[in-house]
């Protein structure tokens, strides 16, 4: 029996996705920080969005400009049967909760089609 996601749909394998975090200002990511990435099925407007994939990423490379370098994730290939969207939280203190100074993407960000492997993620700072 094939693996299934929270929505009960079969998973068809994995795909590589490169995320480029776009900060509104150079972040001060000195010390501990983590990046939480969640892919949800937002296909039904009046229902909670089932989680298709989630991960927490640590030890990302910081470029000379202070920005996080693009990074790759192997995410489930959920096919065309769902409307997957990405949610990202840059957790400045690696606390696991949203706190002042963290960064999030404020709007639904559709997962790129299977043929595309790059996704720009615009972020806003929580004040």
Protein backbone atom coordinates (compact mmCIF):
# COMPACT_ATOMS: atom_id res chain seq x y z
CA UNK A 1 0.00 0.00 0.00
CA UNK A 2 1.54 3.41 -0.97
CA UNK A 3 2.31 6.07 1.64
CA UNK A 4 -0.35 8.75 2.06
CA UNK A 5 -0.34 12.31 3.28
CA UNK A 6 -2.71 13.81 5.90
CA UNK A 7 -5.33 14.33 3.18
CA UNK A 8 -5.33 10.56 2.44
CA UNK A 9 -3.88 10.97 -1.05
CA UNK A 10 -1.03 8.68 -2.15
CA UNK A 11 2.49 10.13 -2.23
CA UNK A 12 4.20 9.50 -5.54
CA UNK A 13 7.84 10.07 -4.55
CA UNK A 14 10.12 12.98 -3.73
CA UNK A 15 11.26 16.07 -5.56
CA UNK A 16 14.01 18.59 -4.88
CA UNK A 17 12.99 22.17 -4.21
CA UNK A 18 15.43 25.05 -3.76
CA UNK A 19 14.19 27.82 -1.46
CA UNK A 20 15.56 31.36 -1.59
CA UNK A 21 14.52 33.37 1.46
CA UNK A 22 13.98 37.06 0.65
CA UNK A 23 14.34 39.22 3.75
CA UNK A 24 12.93 42.79 3.77
CA UNK A 25 16.14 43.93 5.49
CA UNK A 26 19.44 42.19 6.19
CA UNK A 27 18.67 39.83 9.09
CA UNK A 28 20.88 39.63 12.15
CA UNK A 29 21.12 35.87 12.26
CA UNK A 30 24.07 35.68 14.62
CA UNK A 31 23.65 32.84 17.07
CA UNK A 32 21.01 30.13 16.94
CA UNK A 33 18.23 30.24 14.39
CA UNK A 34 16.13 27.69 12.56
CA UNK A 35 13.89 27.69 9.52
CA UNK A 36 10.53 25.90 9.73
CA UNK A 37 9.05 24.90 6.37
CA UNK A 38 5.50 23.56 6.04
CA UNK A 39 3.73 22.46 2.84
CA UNK A 40 -0.05 22.40 3.22
CA UNK A 41 -2.98 21.50 0.98
CA UNK A 42 -4.96 24.74 0.69
CA UNK A 43 -7.41 23.34 -1.88
CA UNK A 44 -10.47 23.67 0.33
CA UNK A 45 -11.24 27.19 1.56
CA UNK A 46 -13.60 26.19 4.37
CA UNK A 47 -11.48 23.44 5.89
CA UNK A 48 -8.24 23.27 7.87
CA UNK A 49 -5.26 22.83 5.57
CA UNK A 50 -3.80 19.33 5.98
CA UNK A 51 -0.02 19.28 6.39
CA UNK A 52 1.65 17.46 3.49
CA UNK A 53 5.23 17.96 4.69
CA UNK A 54 7.07 19.81 7.43
CA UNK A 55 10.68 20.13 8.46
CA UNK A 56 13.00 22.26 10.56
CA UNK A 57 16.32 23.26 9.01
CA UNK A 58 19.42 24.27 11.01
CA UNK A 59 22.95 25.31 10.14
CA UNK A 60 22.17 27.12 6.90
CA UNK A 61 24.94 29.00 5.11
CA UNK A 62 25.02 32.77 5.53
CA UNK A 63 26.42 34.67 2.54
CA UNK A 64 28.80 37.68 2.71
CA UNK A 65 25.78 40.00 2.41
CA UNK A 66 24.26 38.51 5.60
CA UNK A 67 21.51 36.71 3.68
CA UNK A 68 20.75 32.99 3.99
CA UNK A 69 22.09 31.11 0.96
CA UNK A 70 19.54 29.15 -1.11
CA UNK A 71 18.97 25.65 0.27
CA UNK A 72 17.41 22.43 -1.02
CA UNK A 73 14.69 20.26 0.47
CA UNK A 74 13.53 16.82 -0.68
CA UNK A 75 9.76 17.16 -0.38
CA UNK A 76 7.02 14.68 -1.27
CA UNK A 77 5.77 14.93 -4.83
CA UNK A 78 2.06 15.34 -4.11
CA UNK A 79 0.99 15.34 -7.74
CA UNK A 80 -1.74 17.53 -9.23
CA UNK A 81 -4.52 16.31 -6.93
CA UNK A 82 -3.91 19.01 -4.28
CA UNK A 83 -3.16 22.73 -4.11
CA UNK A 84 0.09 22.76 -2.14
CA UNK A 85 1.29 25.98 -0.55
CA UNK A 86 4.49 26.76 1.38
CA UNK A 87 4.67 28.42 4.78
CA UNK A 88 8.07 29.51 6.16
CA UNK A 89 9.07 30.75 9.62
CA UNK A 90 12.64 31.95 10.29
CA UNK A 91 12.92 31.45 14.04
CA UNK A 92 15.60 33.89 15.28
CA UNK A 93 16.10 32.28 18.69
CA UNK A 94 15.23 28.71 17.65
CA UNK A 95 12.41 28.80 20.23
CA UNK A 96 9.83 26.98 18.12
CA UNK A 97 7.29 29.79 18.54
CA UNK A 98 6.55 33.02 16.66
CA UNK A 99 8.26 35.87 18.51
CA UNK A 100 9.19 39.48 17.80
CA UNK A 101 12.11 39.63 15.37
CA UNK A 102 11.22 36.39 13.59
CA UNK A 103 10.42 36.37 9.86
CA UNK A 104 7.46 34.72 8.11
CA UNK A 105 5.96 34.69 4.63
CA UNK A 106 2.71 36.65 5.07
CA UNK A 107 0.72 35.30 2.12
CA UNK A 108 -0.07 31.92 0.65
CA UNK A 109 2.80 30.87 -1.58
CA UNK A 110 1.91 28.16 -4.09
CA UNK A 111 4.38 25.35 -4.45
CA UNK A 112 5.98 25.59 -7.91
CA UNK A 113 4.88 23.06 -10.52
CA UNK A 114 6.80 19.78 -10.57
CA UNK A 115 8.97 20.95 -13.48
CA UNK A 116 10.26 23.92 -11.49
CA UNK A 117 12.80 23.48 -8.73
CA UNK A 118 13.23 27.05 -7.39
CA UNK A 119 10.95 29.07 -5.13
CA UNK A 120 11.53 32.65 -3.92
CA UNK A 121 10.02 33.17 -0.46
CA UNK A 122 9.35 36.84 0.41
CA UNK A 123 9.43 37.37 4.18
CA UNK A 124 8.24 40.05 6.61
CA UNK A 125 9.59 40.72 10.08
CA UNK A 126 7.33 40.23 13.09
CA UNK A 127 7.35 43.44 15.13
